[in-house]
C-alpha atoms as a PDB file:
ATOM      1  CA  MET A   1       0.000   0.000   0.000  1.00  0.00           C
ATOM      2  CA  TYR A   2       2.761   2.407   0.939  1.00  0.00           C
ATOM      3  CA  LEU A   3       4.561   1.925  -2.352  1.00  0.00           C
ATOM      4  CA  VAL A   4       1.413   2.377  -4.444  1.00  0.00           C
ATOM      5  CA  PHE A   5       0.483   5.684  -2.822  1.00  0.00           C
ATOM      6  CA  THR A   6       4.064   6.946  -2.814  1.00  0.00           C
ATOM      7  CA  LEU A   7       4.343   6.248  -6.540  1.00  0.00           C
ATOM      8  CA  LEU A   8       1.112   8.236  -6.979  1.00  0.00           C
ATOM      9  CA  SER A   9       2.873  11.192  -5.252  1.00  0.00           C
ATOM     10  CA  GLN A  10       0.674  11.004  -2.150  1.00  0.00           C
ATOM     11  CA  PHE A  11       2.015  11.200   1.392  1.00  0.00           C
ATOM     12  CA  ALA A  12       1.651   7.748   2.945  1.00  0.00           C
ATOM     13  CA  GLU A  13       2.755   6.571   6.349  1.00  0.00           C
ATOM     14  CA  CYS A  14       2.633   2.999   7.641  1.00  0.00           C
ATOM     15  CA  GLU A  15       2.469   1.887  11.260  1.00  0.00           C
ATOM     16  CA  ARG A  16       1.814   5.403  12.558  1.00  0.00           C
ATOM     17  CA  HIS A  17       1.589   5.358  16.341  1.00  0.00           C
ATOM     18  CA  THR A  18      -1.207   7.143  18.185  1.00  0.00           C
ATOM     19  CA  PHE A  19      -1.612   7.531  21.922  1.00  0.00           C
ATOM     20  CA  MET A  20      -3.543   4.257  22.172  1.00  0.00           C
ATOM     21  CA  TRP A  21      -2.579   2.114  19.182  1.00  0.00           C
ATOM     22  CA  ARG A  22      -1.115   2.277  15.704  1.00  0.00           C
ATOM     23  CA  ILE A  23      -2.619   2.938  12.301  1.00  0.00           C
ATOM     24  CA  ASP A  24      -1.679   0.332   9.691  1.00  0.00           C
ATOM     25  CA  CYS A  25      -1.569   2.842   6.840  1.00  0.00           C
ATOM     26  CA  MET A  26      -2.472   6.520   6.556  1.00  0.00           C
ATOM     27  CA  VAL A  27      -2.652   8.548   3.358  1.00  0.00           C
ATOM     28  CA  GLU A  28      -2.970  12.336   3.446  1.00  0.00           C
ATOM     29  CA  THR A  29      -4.117  14.585   0.622  1.00  0.00           C
ATOM     30  CA  ASP A  30      -5.065  18.263   0.606  1.00  0.00           C
ATOM     31  CA  LYS A  31      -8.733  17.487   1.290  1.00  0.00           C
ATOM     32  CA  PHE A  32      -8.822  14.000   2.795  1.00  0.00           C
ATOM     33  CA  ILE A  33      -7.183  11.644   5.287  1.00  0.00           C
ATOM     34  CA  TYR A  34      -7.543   7.924   4.638  1.00  0.00           C
ATOM     35  CA  LEU A  35      -6.981   5.510   7.536  1.00  0.00           C
ATOM     36  CA  PHE A  36      -6.476   1.858   6.595  1.00  0.00           C
ATOM     37  CA  GLU A  37      -6.768  -1.059   8.996  1.00  0.00           C
ATOM     38  CA  PHE A  38      -5.893  -4.537   7.747  1.00  0.00           C
ATOM     39  CA  LYS A  39      -6.869  -7.776   9.468  1.00  0.00           C
ATOM     40  CA  ARG A  40      -6.016 -11.350   8.779  1.00  0.00           C
ATOM     41  CA  ASP A  41      -8.597 -14.125   9.180  1.00  0.00           C
ATOM     42  CA  MET A  42     -11.248 -11.672  10.415  1.00  0.00           C
ATOM     43  CA  ALA A  43     -14.260  -9.900   8.969  1.00  0.00           C
ATOM     44  CA  VAL A  44     -14.013  -6.449   7.403  1.00  0.00           C
ATOM     45  CA  ASP A  45     -16.398  -5.147  10.071  1.00  0.00           C
ATOM     46  CA  GLU A  46     -13.860  -6.055  12.743  1.00  0.00           C
ATOM     47  CA  ALA A  47     -11.196  -4.024  10.968  1.00  0.00           C
ATOM     48  CA  LEU A  48     -13.492  -0.992  10.815  1.00  0.00           C
ATOM     49  CA  ASN A  49     -14.489  -1.443  14.456  1.00  0.00           C
ATOM     50  CA  HIS A  50     -10.815  -1.531  15.385  1.00  0.00           C
ATOM     51  CA  ILE A  51     -10.351   1.984  13.979  1.00  0.00           C
ATOM     52  CA  VAL A  52     -13.261   3.281  16.058  1.00  0.00           C
ATOM     53  CA  ASP A  53     -12.540   1.273  19.227  1.00  0.00           C
ATOM     54  CA  LYS A  54      -8.889   2.266  19.426  1.00  0.00           C
ATOM     55  CA  SER A  55      -9.688   5.977  18.816  1.00  0.00           C
ATOM     56  CA  ASN A  56      -7.352   6.120  15.818  1.00  0.00           C
ATOM     57  CA  THR A  57      -9.228   9.140  14.458  1.00  0.00           C
ATOM     58  CA  PHE A  58      -8.771  11.196  17.633  1.00  0.00           C
ATOM     59  CA  PRO A  59      -5.463  12.848  16.563  1.00  0.00           C
ATOM     60  CA  PHE A  60      -7.235  14.246  13.490  1.00  0.00           C
ATOM     61  CA  VAL A  61     -10.353  15.697  15.131  1.00  0.00           C
ATOM     62  CA  ALA A  62      -9.178  19.303  14.805  1.00  0.00           C
ATOM     63  CA  ASN A  63      -8.084  18.787  11.217  1.00  0.00           C
ATOM     64  CA  HIS A  64     -10.247  20.412   8.523  1.00  0.00           C
ATOM     65  CA  ARG A  65      -9.900  17.451   6.141  1.00  0.00           C
ATOM     66  CA  LYS A  66     -12.516  14.709   5.817  1.00  0.00           C
ATOM     67  CA  ILE A  67     -11.484  11.384   7.352  1.00  0.00           C
ATOM     68  CA  TYR A  68     -12.224   8.096   5.630  1.00  0.00           C
ATOM     69  CA  LYS A  69     -11.888   4.809   7.537  1.00  0.00           C
ATOM     70  CA  ILE A  70     -11.119   1.793   5.370  1.00  0.00           C
ATOM     71  CA  GLY A  71     -10.935  -1.798   6.605  1.00  0.00           C
ATOM     72  CA  GLY A  72      -9.493  -4.640   4.628  1.00  0.00           C
ATOM     73  CA  ILE A  73      -8.574  -8.300   4.782  1.00  0.00           C
ATOM     74  CA  ILE A  74      -5.154  -9.555   3.769  1.00  0.00           C
END
């Protein structure tokens, strides 16, 4: 994921640490922030719930950009 977004000239950061947990992948653009959570052998809903449960969006609350939460299975 990191390589794909970097080749598209987007700022991507993997394993970004927050005060409670870490974000698997984060991509920032001028208007949006995309937070990716990947799970293995689990449902996509569990990956999305992980973003909410661990308060991974809290560091971006004051940011003017729209936040998208994306869960995936690897």
